mmCIF file of all heavy atoms, coordinates in Angstrom:
data_MODEL
# 
_entry.id   MODEL 
# 
loop_
_atom_site.group_PDB 
_atom_site.id 
_atom_site.type_symbol 
_atom_site.label_atom_id 
_atom_site.label_alt_id 
_atom_site.label_comp_id 
_atom_site.label_asym_id 
_atom_site.label_entity_id 
_atom_site.label_seq_id 
_atom_site.pdbx_PDB_ins_code 
_atom_site.Cartn_x 
_atom_site.Cartn_y 
_atom_site.Cartn_z 
_atom_site.occupancy 
_atom_site.B_iso_or_equiv 
_atom_site.pdbx_formal_charge 
_atom_site.auth_seq_id 
_atom_site.auth_comp_id 
_atom_site.auth_asym_id 
_atom_site.auth_atom_id 
_atom_site.pdbx_PDB_model_num 
ATOM 1   N N   . TYR A 1 1  ? 112.371 110.444 137.954 1.00 0.00 ? 1  TYR A N   1 
ATOM 2   C CA  . TYR A 1 1  ? 112.981 111.739 138.281 1.00 0.00 ? 1  TYR A CA  1 
ATOM 3   C C   . TYR A 1 1  ? 113.466 112.492 137.047 1.00 0.00 ? 1  TYR A C   1 
ATOM 4   O O   . TYR A 1 1  ? 113.573 113.703 137.075 1.00 0.00 ? 1  TYR A O   1 
ATOM 5   C CB  . TYR A 1 1  ? 114.133 111.561 139.275 1.00 0.00 ? 1  TYR A CB  1 
ATOM 6   C CG  . TYR A 1 1  ? 113.645 111.221 140.671 1.00 0.00 ? 1  TYR A CG  1 
ATOM 7   C CD1 . TYR A 1 1  ? 113.775 109.926 141.180 1.00 0.00 ? 1  TYR A CD1 1 
ATOM 8   C CD2 . TYR A 1 1  ? 112.988 112.178 141.445 1.00 0.00 ? 1  TYR A CD2 1 
ATOM 9   C CE1 . TYR A 1 1  ? 113.314 109.607 142.437 1.00 0.00 ? 1  TYR A CE1 1 
ATOM 10  C CE2 . TYR A 1 1  ? 112.507 111.878 142.675 1.00 0.00 ? 1  TYR A CE2 1 
ATOM 11  C CZ  . TYR A 1 1  ? 112.678 110.576 143.194 1.00 0.00 ? 1  TYR A CZ  1 
ATOM 12  O OH  . TYR A 1 1  ? 112.218 110.269 144.436 1.00 0.00 ? 1  TYR A OH  1 
ATOM 13  N N   . THR A 1 2  ? 113.826 111.811 135.983 1.00 0.00 ? 2  THR A N   1 
ATOM 14  C CA  . THR A 1 2  ? 114.359 112.466 134.807 1.00 0.00 ? 2  THR A CA  1 
ATOM 15  C C   . THR A 1 2  ? 113.291 112.640 133.709 1.00 0.00 ? 2  THR A C   1 
ATOM 16  O O   . THR A 1 2  ? 113.627 113.055 132.597 1.00 0.00 ? 2  THR A O   1 
ATOM 17  C CB  . THR A 1 2  ? 115.563 111.698 134.256 1.00 0.00 ? 2  THR A CB  1 
ATOM 18  O OG1 . THR A 1 2  ? 115.127 110.415 133.848 1.00 0.00 ? 2  THR A OG1 1 
ATOM 19  C CG2 . THR A 1 2  ? 116.669 111.624 135.271 1.00 0.00 ? 2  THR A CG2 1 
ATOM 20  N N   . HIS A 1 3  ? 112.044 112.359 133.992 1.00 0.00 ? 3  HIS A N   1 
ATOM 21  C CA  . HIS A 1 3  ? 110.983 112.430 132.954 1.00 0.00 ? 3  HIS A CA  1 
ATOM 22  C C   . HIS A 1 3  ? 110.910 113.827 132.310 1.00 0.00 ? 3  HIS A C   1 
ATOM 23  O O   . HIS A 1 3  ? 110.812 113.915 131.096 1.00 0.00 ? 3  HIS A O   1 
ATOM 24  C CB  . HIS A 1 3  ? 109.652 112.061 133.588 1.00 0.00 ? 3  HIS A CB  1 
ATOM 25  C CG  . HIS A 1 3  ? 108.500 112.175 132.629 1.00 0.00 ? 3  HIS A CG  1 
ATOM 26  N ND1 . HIS A 1 3  ? 108.371 111.365 131.523 1.00 0.00 ? 3  HIS A ND1 1 
ATOM 27  C CD2 . HIS A 1 3  ? 107.424 112.993 132.612 1.00 0.00 ? 3  HIS A CD2 1 
ATOM 28  C CE1 . HIS A 1 3  ? 107.270 111.679 130.878 1.00 0.00 ? 3  HIS A CE1 1 
ATOM 29  N NE2 . HIS A 1 3  ? 106.677 112.687 131.484 1.00 0.00 ? 3  HIS A NE2 1 
ATOM 30  N N   . LEU A 1 4  ? 110.985 114.874 133.107 1.00 0.00 ? 4  LEU A N   1 
ATOM 31  C CA  . LEU A 1 4  ? 110.891 116.218 132.569 1.00 0.00 ? 4  LEU A CA  1 
ATOM 32  C C   . LEU A 1 4  ? 111.992 116.462 131.536 1.00 0.00 ? 4  LEU A C   1 
ATOM 33  O O   . LEU A 1 4  ? 111.733 116.884 130.425 1.00 0.00 ? 4  LEU A O   1 
ATOM 34  C CB  . LEU A 1 4  ? 110.950 117.259 133.675 1.00 0.00 ? 4  LEU A CB  1 
ATOM 35  C CG  . LEU A 1 4  ? 110.930 118.731 133.267 1.00 0.00 ? 4  LEU A CG  1 
ATOM 36  C CD1 . LEU A 1 4  ? 109.541 119.075 132.722 1.00 0.00 ? 4  LEU A CD1 1 
ATOM 37  C CD2 . LEU A 1 4  ? 111.309 119.628 134.389 1.00 0.00 ? 4  LEU A CD2 1 
ATOM 38  N N   . HIS A 1 5  ? 113.217 116.167 131.905 1.00 0.00 ? 5  HIS A N   1 
ATOM 39  C CA  . HIS A 1 5  ? 114.353 116.435 131.046 1.00 0.00 ? 5  HIS A CA  1 
ATOM 40  C C   . HIS A 1 5  ? 114.479 115.442 129.909 1.00 0.00 ? 5  HIS A C   1 
ATOM 41  O O   . HIS A 1 5  ? 114.951 115.797 128.827 1.00 0.00 ? 5  HIS A O   1 
ATOM 42  C CB  . HIS A 1 5  ? 115.687 116.454 131.853 1.00 0.00 ? 5  HIS A CB  1 
ATOM 43  C CG  . HIS A 1 5  ? 115.738 117.631 132.782 1.00 0.00 ? 5  HIS A CG  1 
ATOM 44  N ND1 . HIS A 1 5  ? 116.002 118.925 132.340 1.00 0.00 ? 5  HIS A ND1 1 
ATOM 45  C CD2 . HIS A 1 5  ? 115.505 117.727 134.100 1.00 0.00 ? 5  HIS A CD2 1 
ATOM 46  C CE1 . HIS A 1 5  ? 115.964 119.721 133.368 1.00 0.00 ? 5  HIS A CE1 1 
ATOM 47  N NE2 . HIS A 1 5  ? 115.656 119.055 134.466 1.00 0.00 ? 5  HIS A NE2 1 
ATOM 48  N N   . ASP A 1 6  ? 114.038 114.223 130.102 1.00 0.00 ? 6  ASP A N   1 
ATOM 49  C CA  . ASP A 1 6  ? 114.160 113.194 129.066 1.00 0.00 ? 6  ASP A CA  1 
ATOM 50  C C   . ASP A 1 6  ? 113.053 113.248 128.042 1.00 0.00 ? 6  ASP A C   1 
ATOM 51  O O   . ASP A 1 6  ? 113.259 112.913 126.889 1.00 0.00 ? 6  ASP A O   1 
ATOM 52  C CB  . ASP A 1 6  ? 114.187 111.797 129.690 1.00 0.00 ? 6  ASP A CB  1 
ATOM 53  C CG  . ASP A 1 6  ? 115.481 111.520 130.466 1.00 0.00 ? 6  ASP A CG  1 
ATOM 54  O OD1 . ASP A 1 6  ? 116.427 112.308 130.321 1.00 0.00 ? 6  ASP A OD1 1 
ATOM 55  O OD2 . ASP A 1 6  ? 115.497 110.518 131.201 1.00 0.00 ? 6  ASP A OD2 1 
ATOM 56  N N   . HIS A 1 7  ? 111.831 113.660 128.463 1.00 0.00 ? 7  HIS A N   1 
ATOM 57  C CA  . HIS A 1 7  ? 110.689 113.572 127.576 1.00 0.00 ? 7  HIS A CA  1 
ATOM 58  C C   . HIS A 1 7  ? 109.942 114.887 127.336 1.00 0.00 ? 7  HIS A C   1 
ATOM 59  O O   . HIS A 1 7  ? 109.657 115.220 126.199 1.00 0.00 ? 7  HIS A O   1 
ATOM 60  C CB  . HIS A 1 7  ? 109.680 112.505 128.131 1.00 0.00 ? 7  HIS A CB  1 
ATOM 61  C CG  . HIS A 1 7  ? 110.308 111.168 128.247 1.00 0.00 ? 7  HIS A CG  1 
ATOM 62  N ND1 . HIS A 1 7  ? 110.694 110.637 129.434 1.00 0.00 ? 7  HIS A ND1 1 
ATOM 63  C CD2 . HIS A 1 7  ? 110.633 110.257 127.282 1.00 0.00 ? 7  HIS A CD2 1 
ATOM 64  C CE1 . HIS A 1 7  ? 111.218 109.445 129.231 1.00 0.00 ? 7  HIS A CE1 1 
ATOM 65  N NE2 . HIS A 1 7  ? 111.205 109.189 127.951 1.00 0.00 ? 7  HIS A NE2 1 
ATOM 66  N N   . VAL A 1 8  ? 109.665 115.606 128.415 1.00 0.00 ? 8  VAL A N   1 
ATOM 67  C CA  . VAL A 1 8  ? 108.828 116.794 128.277 1.00 0.00 ? 8  VAL A CA  1 
ATOM 68  C C   . VAL A 1 8  ? 109.579 117.928 127.561 1.00 0.00 ? 8  VAL A C   1 
ATOM 69  O O   . VAL A 1 8  ? 109.037 118.503 126.626 1.00 0.00 ? 8  VAL A O   1 
ATOM 70  C CB  . VAL A 1 8  ? 108.319 117.270 129.671 1.00 0.00 ? 8  VAL A CB  1 
ATOM 71  C CG1 . VAL A 1 8  ? 107.557 118.580 129.549 1.00 0.00 ? 8  VAL A CG1 1 
ATOM 72  C CG2 . VAL A 1 8  ? 107.461 116.194 130.310 1.00 0.00 ? 8  VAL A CG2 1 
ATOM 73  N N   . LEU A 1 9  ? 110.785 118.249 127.988 1.00 0.00 ? 9  LEU A N   1 
ATOM 74  C CA  . LEU A 1 9  ? 111.526 119.337 127.349 1.00 0.00 ? 9  LEU A CA  1 
ATOM 75  C C   . LEU A 1 9  ? 111.832 119.088 125.872 1.00 0.00 ? 9  LEU A C   1 
ATOM 76  O O   . LEU A 1 9  ? 111.609 119.965 125.066 1.00 0.00 ? 9  LEU A O   1 
ATOM 77  C CB  . LEU A 1 9  ? 112.785 119.659 128.142 1.00 0.00 ? 9  LEU A CB  1 
ATOM 78  C CG  . LEU A 1 9  ? 112.563 120.150 129.580 1.00 0.00 ? 9  LEU A CG  1 
ATOM 79  C CD1 . LEU A 1 9  ? 113.890 120.405 130.257 1.00 0.00 ? 9  LEU A CD1 1 
ATOM 80  C CD2 . LEU A 1 9  ? 111.679 121.353 129.625 1.00 0.00 ? 9  LEU A CD2 1 
ATOM 81  N N   . PRO A 1 10 ? 112.273 117.876 125.516 1.00 0.00 ? 10 PRO A N   1 
ATOM 82  C CA  . PRO A 1 10 ? 112.475 117.620 124.082 1.00 0.00 ? 10 PRO A CA  1 
ATOM 83  C C   . PRO A 1 10 ? 111.153 117.754 123.281 1.00 0.00 ? 10 PRO A C   1 
ATOM 84  O O   . PRO A 1 10 ? 111.153 118.268 122.164 1.00 0.00 ? 10 PRO A O   1 
ATOM 85  C CB  . PRO A 1 10 ? 113.007 116.214 124.025 1.00 0.00 ? 10 PRO A CB  1 
ATOM 86  C CG  . PRO A 1 10 ? 113.685 115.997 125.328 1.00 0.00 ? 10 PRO A CG  1 
ATOM 87  C CD  . PRO A 1 10 ? 112.835 116.776 126.310 1.00 0.00 ? 10 PRO A CD  1 
ATOM 88  N N   . ALA A 1 11 ? 110.055 117.329 123.854 1.00 0.00 ? 11 ALA A N   1 
ATOM 89  C CA  . ALA A 1 11 ? 108.759 117.444 123.169 1.00 0.00 ? 11 ALA A CA  1 
ATOM 90  C C   . ALA A 1 11 ? 108.390 118.900 122.985 1.00 0.00 ? 11 ALA A C   1 
ATOM 91  O O   . ALA A 1 11 ? 107.872 119.300 121.924 1.00 0.00 ? 11 ALA A O   1 
ATOM 92  C CB  . ALA A 1 11 ? 107.688 116.709 123.948 1.00 0.00 ? 11 ALA A CB  1 
ATOM 93  N N   . LEU A 1 12 ? 108.642 119.739 123.983 1.00 0.00 ? 12 LEU A N   1 
ATOM 94  C CA  . LEU A 1 12 ? 108.374 121.153 123.863 1.00 0.00 ? 12 LEU A CA  1 
ATOM 95  C C   . LEU A 1 12 ? 109.218 121.803 122.776 1.00 0.00 ? 12 LEU A C   1 
ATOM 96  O O   . LEU A 1 12 ? 108.746 122.597 121.959 1.00 0.00 ? 12 LEU A O   1 
ATOM 97  C CB  . LEU A 1 12 ? 108.561 121.878 125.189 1.00 0.00 ? 12 LEU A CB  1 
ATOM 98  C CG  . LEU A 1 12 ? 107.533 121.590 126.272 1.00 0.00 ? 12 LEU A CG  1 
ATOM 99  C CD1 . LEU A 1 12 ? 108.003 122.195 127.607 1.00 0.00 ? 12 LEU A CD1 1 
ATOM 100 C CD2 . LEU A 1 12 ? 106.187 122.133 125.863 1.00 0.00 ? 12 LEU A CD2 1 
ATOM 101 N N   . LEU A 1 13 ? 110.496 121.450 122.753 1.00 0.00 ? 13 LEU A N   1 
ATOM 102 C CA  . LEU A 1 13 ? 111.391 121.978 121.713 1.00 0.00 ? 13 LEU A CA  1 
ATOM 103 C C   . LEU A 1 13 ? 110.929 121.580 120.313 1.00 0.00 ? 13 LEU A C   1 
ATOM 104 O O   . LEU A 1 13 ? 110.887 122.377 119.400 1.00 0.00 ? 13 LEU A O   1 
ATOM 105 C CB  . LEU A 1 13 ? 112.825 121.524 121.961 1.00 0.00 ? 13 LEU A CB  1 
ATOM 106 C CG  . LEU A 1 13 ? 113.535 122.183 123.148 1.00 0.00 ? 13 LEU A CG  1 
ATOM 107 C CD1 . LEU A 1 13 ? 114.811 121.428 123.481 1.00 0.00 ? 13 LEU A CD1 1 
ATOM 108 C CD2 . LEU A 1 13 ? 113.792 123.646 122.890 1.00 0.00 ? 13 LEU A CD2 1 
ATOM 109 N N   . GLN A 1 14 ? 110.527 120.308 120.189 1.00 0.00 ? 14 GLN A N   1 
ATOM 110 C CA  . GLN A 1 14 ? 110.059 119.842 118.902 1.00 0.00 ? 14 GLN A CA  1 
ATOM 111 C C   . GLN A 1 14 ? 108.737 120.522 118.488 1.00 0.00 ? 14 GLN A C   1 
ATOM 112 O O   . GLN A 1 14 ? 108.486 120.705 117.315 1.00 0.00 ? 14 GLN A O   1 
ATOM 113 C CB  . GLN A 1 14 ? 109.879 118.323 118.916 1.00 0.00 ? 14 GLN A CB  1 
ATOM 114 C CG  . GLN A 1 14 ? 109.587 117.753 117.551 1.00 0.00 ? 14 GLN A CG  1 
ATOM 115 C CD  . GLN A 1 14 ? 109.832 116.253 117.499 1.00 0.00 ? 14 GLN A CD  1 
ATOM 116 O OE1 . GLN A 1 14 ? 110.171 115.627 118.481 1.00 0.00 ? 14 GLN A OE1 1 
ATOM 117 N NE2 . GLN A 1 14 ? 109.633 115.683 116.341 1.00 0.00 ? 14 GLN A NE2 1 
ATOM 118 N N   . ALA A 1 15 ? 107.958 120.914 119.452 1.00 0.00 ? 15 ALA A N   1 
ATOM 119 C CA  . ALA A 1 15 ? 106.659 121.577 119.182 1.00 0.00 ? 15 ALA A CA  1 
ATOM 120 C C   . ALA A 1 15 ? 106.857 123.056 118.855 1.00 0.00 ? 15 ALA A C   1 
ATOM 121 O O   . ALA A 1 15 ? 105.883 123.739 118.547 1.00 0.00 ? 15 ALA A O   1 
ATOM 122 C CB  . ALA A 1 15 ? 105.711 121.398 120.361 1.00 0.00 ? 15 ALA A CB  1 
ATOM 123 N N   . GLY A 1 16 ? 108.093 123.551 118.967 1.00 0.00 ? 16 GLY A N   1 
ATOM 124 C CA  . GLY A 1 16 ? 108.332 124.929 118.570 1.00 0.00 ? 16 GLY A CA  1 
ATOM 125 C C   . GLY A 1 16 ? 108.663 125.886 119.706 1.00 0.00 ? 16 GLY A C   1 
ATOM 126 O O   . GLY A 1 16 ? 108.876 127.069 119.444 1.00 0.00 ? 16 GLY A O   1 
ATOM 127 N N   . VAL A 1 17 ? 108.675 125.411 120.901 1.00 0.00 ? 17 VAL A N   1 
ATOM 128 C CA  . VAL A 1 17 ? 109.085 126.263 122.024 1.00 0.00 ? 17 VAL A CA  1 
ATOM 129 C C   . VAL A 1 17 ? 110.588 126.477 121.890 1.00 0.00 ? 17 VAL A C   1 
ATOM 130 O O   . VAL A 1 17 ? 111.367 125.553 121.667 1.00 0.00 ? 17 VAL A O   1 
ATOM 131 C CB  . VAL A 1 17 ? 108.761 125.605 123.390 1.00 0.00 ? 17 VAL A CB  1 
ATOM 132 C CG1 . VAL A 1 17 ? 109.270 126.445 124.557 1.00 0.00 ? 17 VAL A CG1 1 
ATOM 133 C CG2 . VAL A 1 17 ? 107.252 125.385 123.525 1.00 0.00 ? 17 VAL A CG2 1 
ATOM 134 N N   . THR A 1 18 ? 111.043 127.718 122.039 1.00 0.00 ? 18 THR A N   1 
ATOM 135 C CA  . THR A 1 18 ? 112.481 127.995 121.857 1.00 0.00 ? 18 THR A CA  1 
ATOM 136 C C   . THR A 1 18 ? 113.244 127.714 123.167 1.00 0.00 ? 18 THR A C   1 
ATOM 137 O O   . THR A 1 18 ? 112.654 127.680 124.255 1.00 0.00 ? 18 THR A O   1 
ATOM 138 C CB  . THR A 1 18 ? 112.712 129.454 121.465 1.00 0.00 ? 18 THR A CB  1 
ATOM 139 O OG1 . THR A 1 18 ? 112.332 130.315 122.577 1.00 0.00 ? 18 THR A OG1 1 
ATOM 140 C CG2 . THR A 1 18 ? 111.921 129.842 120.202 1.00 0.00 ? 18 THR A CG2 1 
ATOM 141 N N   . GLN A 1 19 ? 114.535 127.568 123.027 1.00 0.00 ? 19 GLN A N   1 
ATOM 142 C CA  . GLN A 1 19 ? 115.367 127.387 124.204 1.00 0.00 ? 19 GLN A CA  1 
ATOM 143 C C   . GLN A 1 19 ? 115.324 128.605 125.116 1.00 0.00 ? 19 GLN A C   1 
ATOM 144 O O   . GLN A 1 19 ? 115.291 128.500 126.331 1.00 0.00 ? 19 GLN A O   1 
ATOM 145 C CB  . GLN A 1 19 ? 116.820 127.092 123.803 1.00 0.00 ? 19 GLN A CB  1 
ATOM 146 C CG  . GLN A 1 19 ? 117.722 126.769 124.982 1.00 0.00 ? 19 GLN A CG  1 
ATOM 147 C CD  . GLN A 1 19 ? 117.298 125.516 125.724 1.00 0.00 ? 19 GLN A CD  1 
ATOM 148 O OE1 . GLN A 1 19 ? 117.086 124.483 125.113 1.00 0.00 ? 19 GLN A OE1 1 
ATOM 149 N NE2 . GLN A 1 19 ? 117.194 125.589 127.028 1.00 0.00 ? 19 GLN A NE2 1 
ATOM 150 N N   . ALA A 1 20 ? 115.227 129.785 124.503 1.00 0.00 ? 20 ALA A N   1 
ATOM 151 C CA  . ALA A 1 20 ? 115.109 131.023 125.301 1.00 0.00 ? 20 ALA A CA  1 
ATOM 152 C C   . ALA A 1 20 ? 113.819 130.996 126.121 1.00 0.00 ? 20 ALA A C   1 
ATOM 153 O O   . ALA A 1 20 ? 113.797 131.441 127.270 1.00 0.00 ? 20 ALA A O   1 
ATOM 154 C CB  . ALA A 1 20 ? 115.154 132.231 124.399 1.00 0.00 ? 20 ALA A CB  1 
ATOM 155 N N   . GLN A 1 21 ? 112.729 130.505 125.568 1.00 0.00 ? 21 GLN A N   1 
ATOM 156 C CA  . GLN A 1 21 ? 111.454 130.420 126.296 1.00 0.00 ? 21 GLN A CA  1 
ATOM 157 C C   . GLN A 1 21 ? 111.561 129.408 127.443 1.00 0.00 ? 21 GLN A C   1 
ATOM 158 O O   . GLN A 1 21 ? 111.071 129.652 128.544 1.00 0.00 ? 21 GLN A O   1 
ATOM 159 C CB  . GLN A 1 21 ? 110.320 130.062 125.355 1.00 0.00 ? 21 GLN A CB  1 
ATOM 160 C CG  . GLN A 1 21 ? 109.971 131.154 124.404 1.00 0.00 ? 21 GLN A CG  1 
ATOM 161 C CD  . GLN A 1 21 ? 108.997 130.705 123.288 1.00 0.00 ? 21 GLN A CD  1 
ATOM 162 O OE1 . GLN A 1 21 ? 109.129 129.592 122.755 1.00 0.00 ? 21 GLN A OE1 1 
ATOM 163 N NE2 . GLN A 1 21 ? 108.053 131.568 122.943 1.00 0.00 ? 21 GLN A NE2 1 
ATOM 164 N N   . LEU A 1 22 ? 112.228 128.304 127.182 1.00 0.00 ? 22 LEU A N   1 
ATOM 165 C CA  . LEU A 1 22 ? 112.430 127.311 128.248 1.00 0.00 ? 22 LEU A CA  1 
ATOM 166 C C   . LEU A 1 22 ? 113.304 127.915 129.367 1.00 0.00 ? 22 LEU A C   1 
ATOM 167 O O   . LEU A 1 22 ? 113.014 127.685 130.545 1.00 0.00 ? 22 LEU A O   1 
ATOM 168 C CB  . LEU A 1 22 ? 113.080 126.052 127.714 1.00 0.00 ? 22 LEU A CB  1 
ATOM 169 C CG  . LEU A 1 22 ? 112.216 125.145 126.831 1.00 0.00 ? 22 LEU A CG  1 
ATOM 170 C CD1 . LEU A 1 22 ? 113.001 123.967 126.322 1.00 0.00 ? 22 LEU A CD1 1 
ATOM 171 C CD2 . LEU A 1 22 ? 110.958 124.685 127.578 1.00 0.00 ? 22 LEU A CD2 1 
ATOM 172 N N   . ASP A 1 23 ? 114.340 128.633 128.978 1.00 0.00 ? 23 ASP A N   1 
ATOM 173 C CA  . ASP A 1 23 ? 115.177 129.268 130.001 1.00 0.00 ? 23 ASP A CA  1 
ATOM 174 C C   . ASP A 1 23 ? 114.387 130.252 130.832 1.00 0.00 ? 23 ASP A C   1 
ATOM 175 O O   . ASP A 1 23 ? 114.570 130.326 132.064 1.00 0.00 ? 23 ASP A O   1 
ATOM 176 C CB  . ASP A 1 23 ? 116.357 129.996 129.325 1.00 0.00 ? 23 ASP A CB  1 
ATOM 177 C CG  . ASP A 1 23 ? 117.373 129.036 128.712 1.00 0.00 ? 23 ASP A CG  1 
ATOM 178 O OD1 . ASP A 1 23 ? 117.339 127.840 129.055 1.00 0.00 ? 23 ASP A OD1 1 
ATOM 179 O OD2 . ASP A 1 23 ? 118.174 129.504 127.890 1.00 0.00 ? 23 ASP A OD2 1 
ATOM 180 N N   . THR A 1 24 ? 113.469 130.986 130.218 1.00 0.00 ? 24 THR A N   1 
ATOM 181 C CA  . THR A 1 24 ? 112.606 131.894 130.963 1.00 0.00 ? 24 THR A CA  1 
ATOM 182 C C   . THR A 1 24 ? 111.744 131.140 131.947 1.00 0.00 ? 24 THR A C   1 
ATOM 183 O O   . THR A 1 24 ? 111.634 131.527 133.131 1.00 0.00 ? 24 THR A O   1 
ATOM 184 C CB  . THR A 1 24 ? 111.715 132.706 130.013 1.00 0.00 ? 24 THR A CB  1 
ATOM 185 O OG1 . THR A 1 24 ? 112.574 133.510 129.160 1.00 0.00 ? 24 THR A OG1 1 
ATOM 186 C CG2 . THR A 1 24 ? 110.755 133.627 130.739 1.00 0.00 ? 24 THR A CG2 1 
# 
């Protein structure tokens, strides 16, 4: 259940996706 928040979102941030883009 926490895979998205534990793994996917940090990987996106590290790849250059901004927090503002994630919020969108």
